[in-house]
Amino acid sequence: MDDRTLEQRLATIEATQARTIALLESLSEQVCDESTAAGEWRAGVDLKLHGDGNGHRGLLVRIDRLEQDHDRARWMIRALVGAVLALGAHVVAGLLHG
């Protein structure tokens, strides 16, 4: 192998390495940008789910409150139905004995 061929191969290797380094730097910047964007997105999702603790309730708290309201309403309806049935039984018993 003569010196010219060796120099050409070395020049080709150097050019390939330079392109590879440039590509790696570009990809590294893209990964950094994507990581930053993902962190911002994750922070937004966390804010929506958990709230900020300063009056902004997150979805989890709001859902919990809705479930609590639903349970209270169900017990209220059961109590009212029970009261109406007891009143109806009282009225019927009064009519039968009266």
PDB file of N, CA and C in Angstrom:
ATOM      1  N   MET A   1       0.862  -1.155   0.000  1.00  0.00           N
ATOM      2  CA  MET A   1       0.000   0.000   0.000  1.00  0.00           C
ATOM      3  C   MET A   1       0.917   1.228   0.000  1.00  0.00           C
ATOM      4  N   ASP A   2       0.649   2.140  -0.893  1.00  0.00           N
ATOM      5  CA  ASP A   2       1.510   3.319  -0.954  1.00  0.00           C
ATOM      6  C   ASP A   2       1.009   4.412  -0.009  1.00  0.00           C
ATOM      7  N   ASP A   3       1.837   5.440   0.158  1.00  0.00           N
ATOM      8  CA  ASP A   3       1.527   6.509   1.103  1.00  0.00           C
ATOM      9  C   ASP A   3       0.283   7.298   0.709  1.00  0.00           C
ATOM     10  N   ARG A   4       0.047   7.448  -0.582  1.00  0.00           N
ATOM     11  CA  ARG A   4      -1.118   8.212  -1.049  1.00  0.00           C
ATOM     12  C   ARG A   4      -2.415   7.508  -0.657  1.00  0.00           C
ATOM     13  N   THR A   5      -2.471   6.221  -0.862  1.00  0.00           N
ATOM     14  CA  THR A   5      -3.666   5.454  -0.513  1.00  0.00           C
ATOM     15  C   THR A   5      -3.894   5.497   0.994  1.00  0.00           C
ATOM     16  N   LEU A   6      -2.821   5.376   1.751  1.00  0.00           N
ATOM     17  CA  LEU A   6      -2.925   5.442   3.189  1.00  0.00           C
ATOM     18  C   LEU A   6      -3.426   6.814   3.641  1.00  0.00           C
ATOM     19  N   GLU A   7      -2.924   7.874   3.050  1.00  0.00           N
ATOM     20  CA  GLU A   7      -3.368   9.226   3.373  1.00  0.00           C
ATOM     21  C   GLU A   7      -4.827   9.436   2.991  1.00  0.00           C
ATOM     22  N   GLN A   8      -5.247   8.874   1.853  1.00  0.00           N
ATOM     23  CA  GLN A   8      -6.649   8.986   1.430  1.00  0.00           C
ATOM     24  C   GLN A   8      -7.567   8.269   2.431  1.00  0.00           C
ATOM     25  N   ARG A   9      -7.137   7.094   2.859  1.00  0.00           N
ATOM     26  CA  ARG A   9      -7.947   6.345   3.823  1.00  0.00           C
ATOM     27  C   ARG A   9      -8.024   7.094   5.154  1.00  0.00           C
ATOM     28  N   LEU A  10      -6.892   7.632   5.598  1.00  0.00           N
ATOM     29  CA  LEU A  10      -6.896   8.407   6.834  1.00  0.00           C
ATOM     30  C   LEU A  10      -7.788   9.639   6.718  1.00  0.00           C
ATOM     31  N   ALA A  11      -7.742  10.304   5.573  1.00  0.00           N
ATOM     32  CA  ALA A  11      -8.589  11.484   5.346  1.00  0.00           C
ATOM     33  C   ALA A  11     -10.066  11.079   5.361  1.00  0.00           C
ATOM     34  N   THR A  12     -10.380   9.934   4.762  1.00  0.00           N
ATOM     35  CA  THR A  12     -11.760   9.442   4.757  1.00  0.00           C
ATOM     36  C   THR A  12     -12.216   9.123   6.190  1.00  0.00           C
ATOM     37  N   ILE A  13     -11.343   8.500   6.960  1.00  0.00           N
ATOM     38  CA  ILE A  13     -11.670   8.174   8.348  1.00  0.00           C
ATOM     39  C   ILE A  13     -11.876   9.449   9.150  1.00  0.00           C
ATOM     40  N   GLU A  14     -11.028  10.433   8.969  1.00  0.00           N
ATOM     41  CA  GLU A  14     -11.168  11.705   9.677  1.00  0.00           C
ATOM     42  C   GLU A  14     -12.471  12.396   9.314  1.00  0.00           C
ATOM     43  N   ALA A  15     -12.827  12.384   8.026  1.00  0.00           N
ATOM     44  CA  ALA A  15     -14.077  13.012   7.584  1.00  0.00           C
ATOM     45  C   ALA A  15     -15.279  12.286   8.187  1.00  0.00           C
ATOM     46  N   THR A  16     -15.200  10.955   8.219  1.00  0.00           N
ATOM     47  CA  THR A  16     -16.286  10.163   8.792  1.00  0.00           C
ATOM     48  C   THR A  16     -16.414  10.442  10.287  1.00  0.00           C
ATOM     49  N   GLN A  17     -15.291  10.530  10.978  1.00  0.00           N
ATOM     50  CA  GLN A  17     -15.315  10.845  12.405  1.00  0.00           C
ATOM     51  C   GLN A  17     -15.891  12.239  12.651  1.00  0.00           C
ATOM     52  N   ALA A  18     -15.526  13.192  11.824  1.00  0.00           N
ATOM     53  CA  ALA A  18     -16.051  14.551  11.987  1.00  0.00           C
ATOM     54  C   ALA A  18     -17.570  14.561  11.800  1.00  0.00           C
ATOM     55  N   ARG A  19     -18.073  13.839  10.789  1.00  0.00           N
ATOM     56  CA  ARG A  19     -19.526  13.758  10.561  1.00  0.00           C
ATOM     57  C   ARG A  19     -20.213  13.051  11.737  1.00  0.00           C
ATOM     58  N   THR A  20     -19.566  12.002  12.242  1.00  0.00           N
ATOM     59  CA  THR A  20     -20.129  11.258  13.364  1.00  0.00           C
ATOM     60  C   THR A  20     -20.205  12.139  14.602  1.00  0.00           C
ATOM     61  N   ILE A  21     -19.144  12.893  14.863  1.00  0.00           N
ATOM     62  CA  ILE A  21     -19.143  13.795  16.020  1.00  0.00           C
ATOM     63  C   ILE A  21     -20.216  14.863  15.872  1.00  0.00           C
ATOM     64  N   ALA A  22     -20.344  15.437  14.679  1.00  0.00           N
ATOM     65  CA  ALA A  22     -21.372  16.456  14.448  1.00  0.00           C
ATOM     66  C   ALA A  22     -22.764  15.863  14.645  1.00  0.00           C
ATOM     67  N   LEU A  23     -22.968  14.644  14.154  1.00  0.00           N
ATOM     68  CA  LEU A  23     -24.265  13.980  14.315  1.00  0.00           C
ATOM     69  C   LEU A  23     -24.542  13.693  15.789  1.00  0.00           C
ATOM     70  N   LEU A  24     -23.539  13.223  16.515  1.00  0.00           N
ATOM     71  CA  LEU A  24     -23.718  12.954  17.933  1.00  0.00           C
ATOM     72  C   LEU A  24     -24.025  14.229  18.713  1.00  0.00           C
ATOM     73  N   GLU A  25     -23.372  15.316  18.388  1.00  0.00           N
ATOM     74  CA  GLU A  25     -23.665  16.587  19.062  1.00  0.00           C
ATOM     75  C   GLU A  25     -25.085  17.035  18.782  1.00  0.00           C
ATOM     76  N   SER A  26     -25.511  16.891  17.525  1.00  0.00           N
ATOM     77  CA  SER A  26     -26.879  17.265  17.162  1.00  0.00           C
ATOM     78  C   SER A  26     -27.894  16.394  17.896  1.00  0.00           C
ATOM     79  N   LEU A  27     -27.642  15.092  17.922  1.00  0.00           N
ATOM     80  CA  LEU A  27     -28.555  14.187  18.617  1.00  0.00           C
ATOM     81  C   LEU A  27     -28.566  14.459  20.115  1.00  0.00           C
ATOM     82  N   SER A  28     -27.423  14.782  20.671  1.00  0.00           N
ATOM     83  CA  SER A  28     -27.340  15.107  22.094  1.00  0.00           C
ATOM     84  C   SER A  28     -28.173  16.347  22.418  1.00  0.00           C
ATOM     85  N   GLU A  29     -28.114  17.357  21.577  1.00  0.00           N
ATOM     86  CA  GLU A  29     -28.925  18.563  21.775  1.00  0.00           C
ATOM     87  C   GLU A  29     -30.407  18.246  21.679  1.00  0.00           C
ATOM     88  N   GLN A  30     -30.768  17.389  20.707  1.00  0.00           N
ATOM     89  CA  GLN A  30     -32.174  17.016  20.553  1.00  0.00           C
ATOM     90  C   GLN A  30     -32.681  16.259  21.775  1.00  0.00           C
ATOM     91  N   VAL A  31     -31.857  15.357  22.298  1.00  0.00           N
ATOM     92  CA  VAL A  31     -32.249  14.599  23.486  1.00  0.00           C
ATOM     93  C   VAL A  31     -32.423  15.546  24.673  1.00  0.00           C
ATOM     94  N   CYS A  32     -31.518  16.491  24.797  1.00  0.00           N
ATOM     95  CA  CYS A  32     -31.620  17.472  25.883  1.00  0.00           C
ATOM     96  C   CYS A  32     -32.908  18.286  25.751  1.00  0.00           C
ATOM     97  N   ASP A  33     -33.223  18.739  24.529  1.00  0.00           N
ATOM     98  CA  ASP A  33     -34.450  19.498  24.304  1.00  0.00           C
ATOM     99  C   ASP A  33     -35.688  18.656  24.608  1.00  0.00           C
ATOM    100  N   GLU A  34     -35.680  17.396  24.161  1.00  0.00           N
ATOM    101  CA  GLU A  34     -36.813  16.510  24.410  1.00  0.00           C
ATOM    102  C   GLU A  34     -36.962  16.236  25.901  1.00  0.00           C
ATOM    103  N   SER A  35     -35.847  16.083  26.583  1.00  0.00           N
ATOM    104  CA  SER A  35     -35.878  15.846  28.024  1.00  0.00           C
ATOM    105  C   SER A  35     -36.490  17.040  28.746  1.00  0.00           C
ATOM    106  N   THR A  36     -36.116  18.240  28.332  1.00  0.00           N
ATOM    107  CA  THR A  36     -36.675  19.452  28.935  1.00  0.00           C
ATOM    108  C   THR A  36     -38.177  19.535  28.673  1.00  0.00           C
ATOM    109  N   ALA A  37     -38.574  19.253  27.430  1.00  0.00           N
ATOM    110  CA  ALA A  37     -39.995  19.295  27.078  1.00  0.00           C
ATOM    111  C   ALA A  37     -40.773  18.239  27.851  1.00  0.00           C
ATOM    112  N   ALA A  38     -40.186  17.046  28.006  1.00  0.00           N
ATOM    113  CA  ALA A  38     -40.863  15.983  28.752  1.00  0.00           C
ATOM    114  C   ALA A  38     -41.015  16.381  30.219  1.00  0.00           C
ATOM    115  N   GLY A  39     -39.997  17.028  30.776  1.00  0.00           N
ATOM    116  CA  GLY A  39     -40.086  17.483  32.164  1.00  0.00           C
ATOM    117  C   GLY A  39     -41.175  18.513  32.349  1.00  0.00           C
ATOM    118  N   GLU A  40     -41.296  19.432  31.403  1.00  0.00           N
ATOM    119  CA  GLU A  40     -42.356  20.441  31.472  1.00  0.00           C
ATOM    120  C   GLU A  40     -43.724  19.794  31.344  1.00  0.00           C
ATOM    121  N   TRP A  41     -43.838  18.821  30.441  1.00  0.00           N
ATOM    122  CA  TRP A  41     -45.110  18.127  30.252  1.00  0.00           C
ATOM    123  C   TRP A  41     -45.471  17.366  31.526  1.00  0.00           C
ATOM    124  N   ARG A  42     -44.486  16.676  32.108  1.00  0.00           N
ATOM    125  CA  ARG A  42     -44.717  15.911  33.327  1.00  0.00           C
ATOM    126  C   ARG A  42     -45.137  16.835  34.466  1.00  0.00           C
ATOM    127  N   ALA A  43     -44.532  18.008  34.558  1.00  0.00           N
ATOM    128  CA  ALA A  43     -44.900  18.974  35.598  1.00  0.00           C
ATOM    129  C   ALA A  43     -46.337  19.451  35.393  1.00  0.00           C
ATOM    130  N   GLY A  44     -46.735  19.656  34.144  1.00  0.00           N
ATOM    131  CA  GLY A  44     -48.113  20.070  33.859  1.00  0.00           C
ATOM    132  C   GLY A  44     -49.118  19.001  34.234  1.00  0.00           C
ATOM    133  N   VAL A  45     -48.796  17.762  33.930  1.00  0.00           N
ATOM    134  CA  VAL A  45     -49.686  16.653  34.290  1.00  0.00           C
ATOM    135  C   VAL A  45     -49.784  16.537  35.810  1.00  0.00           C
ATOM    136  N   ASP A  46     -48.649  16.667  36.489  1.00  0.00           N
ATOM    137  CA  ASP A  46     -48.647  16.602  37.951  1.00  0.00           C
ATOM    138  C   ASP A  46     -49.502  17.718  38.546  1.00  0.00           C
ATOM    139  N   LEU A  47     -49.401  18.925  37.983  1.00  0.00           N
ATOM    140  CA  LEU A  47     -50.210  20.047  38.464  1.00  0.00           C
ATOM    141  C   LEU A  47     -51.693  19.760  38.284  1.00  0.00           C
ATOM    142  N   LYS A  48     -52.057  19.195  37.142  1.00  0.00           N
ATOM    143  CA  LYS A  48     -53.465  18.894  36.889  1.00  0.00           C
ATOM    144  C   LYS A  48     -53.970  17.776  37.794  1.00  0.00           C
ATOM    145  N   LEU A  49     -53.138  16.787  38.085  1.00  0.00           N
ATOM    146  CA  LEU A  49     -53.565  15.676  38.921  1.00  0.00           C
ATOM    147  C   LEU A  49     -53.598  16.036  40.399  1.00  0.00           C
ATOM    148  N   HIS A  50     -52.549  16.689  40.893  1.00  0.00           N
ATOM    149  CA  HIS A  50     -52.404  16.898  42.324  1.00  0.00           C
ATOM    150  C   HIS A  50     -52.682  18.329  42.774  1.00  0.00           C
ATOM    151  N   GLY A  51     -52.749  19.273  41.866  1.00  0.00           N
ATOM    152  CA  GLY A  51     -52.969  20.664  42.246  1.00  0.00           C
ATOM    153  C   GLY A  51     -51.672  21.314  42.678  1.00  0.00           C
ATOM    154  N   ASP A  52     -51.771  22.588  43.029  1.00  0.00           N
ATOM    155  CA  ASP A  52     -50.556  23.317  43.405  1.00  0.00           C
ATOM    156  C   ASP A  52     -50.475  23.580  44.906  1.00  0.00           C
ATOM    157  N   GLY A  53     -51.490  23.195  45.650  1.00  0.00           N
ATOM    158  CA  GLY A  53     -51.469  23.402  47.093  1.00  0.00           C
ATOM    159  C   GLY A  53     -51.823  24.818  47.507  1.00  0.00           C
ATOM    160  N   ASN A  54     -52.127  25.685  46.565  1.00  0.00           N
ATOM    161  CA  ASN A  54     -52.463  27.083  46.864  1.00  0.00           C
ATOM    162  C   ASN A  54     -53.861  27.415  46.364  1.00  0.00           C
ATOM    163  N   GLY A  55     -54.790  26.533  46.616  1.00  0.00           N
ATOM    164  CA  GLY A  55     -56.165  26.799  46.204  1.00  0.00           C
ATOM    165  C   GLY A  55     -56.567  26.116  44.912  1.00  0.00           C
ATOM    166  N   HIS A  56     -55.624  25.680  44.123  1.00  0.00           N
ATOM    167  CA  HIS A  56     -55.944  24.969  42.881  1.00  0.00           C
ATOM    168  C   HIS A  56     -55.966  23.481  43.192  1.00  0.00           C
ATOM    169  N   ARG A  57     -57.174  22.930  43.265  1.00  0.00           N
ATOM    170  CA  ARG A  57     -57.308  21.507  43.562  1.00  0.00           C
ATOM    171  C   ARG A  57     -57.082  20.710  42.297  1.00  0.00           C
ATOM    172  N   GLY A  58     -56.379  19.631  42.422  1.00  0.00           N
ATOM    173  CA  GLY A  58     -56.124  18.752  41.292  1.00  0.00           C
ATOM    174  C   GLY A  58     -57.307  17.836  41.034  1.00  0.00           C
ATOM    175  N   LEU A  59     -57.214  17.084  39.946  1.00  0.00           N
ATOM    176  CA  LEU A  59     -58.297  16.181  39.574  1.00  0.00           C
ATOM    177  C   LEU A  59     -58.519  15.095  40.613  1.00  0.00           C
ATOM    178  N   LEU A  60     -57.455  14.609  41.232  1.00  0.00           N
ATOM    179  CA  LEU A  60     -57.628  13.557  42.230  1.00  0.00           C
ATOM    180  C   LEU A  60     -58.453  14.047  43.416  1.00  0.00           C
ATOM    181  N   VAL A  61     -58.211  15.266  43.864  1.00  0.00           N
ATOM    182  CA  VAL A  61     -58.985  15.819  44.971  1.00  0.00           C
ATOM    183  C   VAL A  61     -60.423  16.049  44.534  1.00  0.00           C
ATOM    184  N   ARG A  62     -60.602  16.551  43.330  1.00  0.00           N
ATOM    185  CA  ARG A  62     -61.961  16.820  42.856  1.00  0.00           C
ATOM    186  C   ARG A  62     -62.766  15.533  42.706  1.00  0.00           C
ATOM    187  N   ILE A  63     -62.130  14.489  42.197  1.00  0.00           N
ATOM    188  CA  ILE A  63     -62.815  13.202  42.062  1.00  0.00           C
ATOM    189  C   ILE A  63     -63.165  12.650  43.437  1.00  0.00           C
ATOM    190  N   ASP A  64     -62.240  12.775  44.377  1.00  0.00           N
ATOM    191  CA  ASP A  64     -62.500  12.308  45.738  1.00  0.00           C
ATOM    192  C   ASP A  64     -63.692  13.053  46.343  1.00  0.00           C
ATOM    193  N   ARG A  65     -63.752  14.350  46.139  1.00  0.00           N
ATOM    194  CA  ARG A  65     -64.877  15.140  46.662  1.00  0.00           C
ATOM    195  C   ARG A  65     -66.194  14.706  46.006  1.00  0.00           C
ATOM    196  N   LEU A  66     -66.151  14.432  44.706  1.00  0.00           N
ATOM    197  CA  LEU A  66     -67.368  13.961  44.030  1.00  0.00           C
ATOM    198  C   LEU A  66     -67.824  12.620  44.595  1.00  0.00           C
ATOM    199  N   GLU A  67     -66.868  11.731  44.857  1.00  0.00           N
ATOM    200  CA  GLU A  67     -67.227  10.441  45.433  1.00  0.00           C
ATOM    201  C   GLU A  67     -67.821  10.619  46.829  1.00  0.00           C
ATOM    202  N   GLN A  68     -67.252  11.520  47.617  1.00  0.00           N
ATOM    203  CA  GLN A  68     -67.790  11.774  48.953  1.00  0.00           C
ATOM    204  C   GLN A  68     -69.207  12.354  48.863  1.00  0.00           C
ATOM    205  N   ASP A  69     -69.425  13.289  47.952  1.00  0.00           N
ATOM    206  CA  ASP A  69     -70.760  13.868  47.765  1.00  0.00           C
ATOM    207  C   ASP A  69     -71.761  12.797  47.339  1.00  0.00           C
ATOM    208  N   HIS A  70     -71.317  11.907  46.466  1.00  0.00           N
ATOM    209  CA  HIS A  70     -72.181  10.826  46.000  1.00  0.00           C
ATOM    210  C   HIS A  70     -72.567   9.915  47.164  1.00  0.00           C
ATOM    211  N   ASP A  71     -71.581   9.573  48.006  1.00  0.00           N
ATOM    212  CA  ASP A  71     -71.886   8.721  49.163  1.00  0.00           C
ATOM    213  C   ASP A  71     -72.847   9.408  50.120  1.00  0.00           C
ATOM    214  N   ARG A  72     -72.637  10.711  50.378  1.00  0.00           N
ATOM    215  CA  ARG A  72     -73.549  11.451  51.274  1.00  0.00           C
ATOM    216  C   ARG A  72     -74.958  11.499  50.686  1.00  0.00           C
ATOM    217  N   ALA A  73     -75.053  11.730  49.387  1.00  0.00           N
ATOM    218  CA  ALA A  73     -76.371  11.798  48.743  1.00  0.00           C
ATOM    219  C   ALA A  73     -77.072  10.443  48.812  1.00  0.00           C
ATOM    220  N   ARG A  74     -76.324   9.366  48.627  1.00  0.00           N
ATOM    221  CA  ARG A  74     -76.925   8.029  48.689  1.00  0.00           C
ATOM    222  C   ARG A  74     -77.476   7.761  50.088  1.00  0.00           C
ATOM    223  N   TRP A  75     -76.725   8.097  51.147  1.00  0.00           N
ATOM    224  CA  TRP A  75     -77.206   7.895  52.510  1.00  0.00           C
ATOM    225  C   TRP A  75     -78.388   8.810  52.823  1.00  0.00           C
ATOM    226  N   MET A  76     -78.378  10.019  52.281  1.00  0.00           N
ATOM    227  CA  MET A  76     -79.502  10.937  52.486  1.00  0.00           C
ATOM    228  C   MET A  76     -80.763  10.364  51.847  1.00  0.00           C
ATOM    229  N   ILE A  77     -80.651   9.842  50.655  1.00  0.00           N
ATOM    230  CA  ILE A  77     -81.816   9.259  49.978  1.00  0.00           C
ATOM    231  C   ILE A  77     -82.314   8.050  50.742  1.00  0.00           C
ATOM    232  N   ARG A  78     -81.398   7.202  51.215  1.00  0.00           N
ATOM    233  CA  ARG A  78     -81.814   6.035  52.003  1.00  0.00           C
ATOM    234  C   ARG A  78     -82.529   6.468  53.282  1.00  0.00           C
ATOM    235  N   ALA A  79     -82.012   7.493  53.935  1.00  0.00           N
ATOM    236  CA  ALA A  79     -82.647   7.976  55.170  1.00  0.00           C
ATOM    237  C   ALA A  79     -84.039   8.529  54.872  1.00  0.00           C
ATOM    238  N   LEU A  80     -84.155   9.299  53.777  1.00  0.00           N
ATOM    239  CA  LEU A  80     -85.472   9.853  53.423  1.00  0.00           C
ATOM    240  C   LEU A  80     -86.456   8.758  53.060  1.00  0.00           C
ATOM    241  N   VAL A  81     -86.009   7.757  52.297  1.00  0.00           N
ATOM    242  CA  VAL A  81     -86.900   6.647  51.930  1.00  0.00           C
ATOM    243  C   VAL A  81     -87.320   5.893  53.190  1.00  0.00           C
ATOM    244  N   GLY A  82     -86.377   5.669  54.095  1.00  0.00           N
ATOM    245  CA  GLY A  82     -86.706   4.993  55.358  1.00  0.00           C
ATOM    246  C   GLY A  82     -87.710   5.790  56.167  1.00  0.00           C
ATOM    247  N   ALA A  83     -87.531   7.110  56.223  1.00  0.00           N
ATOM    248  CA  ALA A  83     -88.450   7.966  56.970  1.00  0.00           C
ATOM    249  C   ALA A  83     -89.840   7.939  56.351  1.00  0.00           C
ATOM    250  N   VAL A  84     -89.904   7.993  55.027  1.00  0.00           N
ATOM    251  CA  VAL A  84     -91.211   7.950  54.343  1.00  0.00           C
ATOM    252  C   VAL A  84     -91.886   6.609  54.576  1.00  0.00           C
ATOM    253  N   LEU A  85     -91.122   5.509  54.510  1.00  0.00           N
ATOM    254  CA  LEU A  85     -91.706   4.189  54.758  1.00  0.00           C
ATOM    255  C   LEU A  85     -92.197   4.073  56.207  1.00  0.00           C
ATOM    256  N   ALA A  86     -91.416   4.585  57.151  1.00  0.00           N
ATOM    257  CA  ALA A  86     -91.834   4.541  58.560  1.00  0.00           C
ATOM    258  C   ALA A  86     -93.083   5.383  58.771  1.00  0.00           C
ATOM    259  N   LEU A  87     -93.147   6.562  58.164  1.00  0.00           N
ATOM    260  CA  LEU A  87     -94.326   7.410  58.271  1.00  0.00           C
ATOM    261  C   LEU A  87     -95.541   6.732  57.653  1.00  0.00           C
ATOM    262  N   GLY A  88     -95.319   6.101  56.488  1.00  0.00           N
ATOM    263  CA  GLY A  88     -96.425   5.369  55.828  1.00  0.00           C
ATOM    264  C   GLY A  88     -96.910   4.227  56.687  1.00  0.00           C
ATOM    265  N   ALA A  89     -95.980   3.500  57.324  1.00  0.00           N
ATOM    266  CA  ALA A  89     -96.383   2.387  58.202  1.00  0.00           C
ATOM    267  C   ALA A  89     -97.127   2.907  59.422  1.00  0.00           C
ATOM    268  N   HIS A  90     -96.686   4.050  59.920  1.00  0.00           N
ATOM    269  CA  HIS A  90     -97.360   4.655  61.074  1.00  0.00           C
ATOM    270  C   HIS A  90     -98.792   5.054  60.722  1.00  0.00           C
ATOM    271  N   VAL A  91     -98.955   5.645  59.543  1.00  0.00           N
ATOM    272  CA  VAL A  91    -100.279   6.076  59.086  1.00  0.00           C
ATOM    273  C   VAL A  91    -101.172   4.864  58.888  1.00  0.00           C
ATOM    274  N   VAL A  92    -100.648   3.832  58.241  1.00  0.00           N
ATOM    275  CA  VAL A  92    -101.453   2.628  58.007  1.00  0.00           C
ATOM    276  C   VAL A  92    -101.833   1.978  59.337  1.00  0.00           C
ATOM    277  N   ALA A  93    -100.873   1.918  60.264  1.00  0.00           N
ATOM    278  CA  ALA A  93    -101.167   1.329  61.578  1.00  0.00           C
ATOM    279  C   ALA A  93    -102.229   2.157  62.316  1.00  0.00           C
ATOM    280  N   GLY A  94    -102.166   3.468  62.182  1.00  0.00           N
ATOM    281  CA  GLY A  94    -103.166   4.330  62.804  1.00  0.00           C
ATOM    282  C   GLY A  94    -104.549   4.133  62.193  1.00  0.00           C
ATOM    283  N   LEU A  95    -104.604   3.913  60.873  1.00  0.00           N
ATOM    284  CA  LEU A  95    -105.899   3.683  60.229  1.00  0.00           C
ATOM    285  C   LEU A  95    -106.483   2.333  60.621  1.00  0.00           C
ATOM    286  N   LEU A  96    -105.636   1.348  60.788  1.00  0.00           N
ATOM    287  CA  LEU A  96    -106.135   0.001  61.136  1.00  0.00           C
ATOM    288  C   LEU A  96    -106.610  -0.047  62.578  1.00  0.00           C
ATOM    289  N   HIS A  97    -105.977   0.707  63.476  1.00  0.00           N
ATOM    290  CA  HIS A  97    -106.366   0.671  64.892  1.00  0.00           C
ATOM    291  C   HIS A  97    -107.393   1.756  65.219  1.00  0.00           C
ATOM    292  N   GLY A  98    -107.597   2.665  64.330  1.00  0.00           N
ATOM    293  CA  GLY A  98    -108.381   3.809  64.671  1.00  0.00           C
ATOM    294  C   GLY A  98    -109.785   3.802  64.318  1.00  0.00           C
TER     295      GLY A  98
END
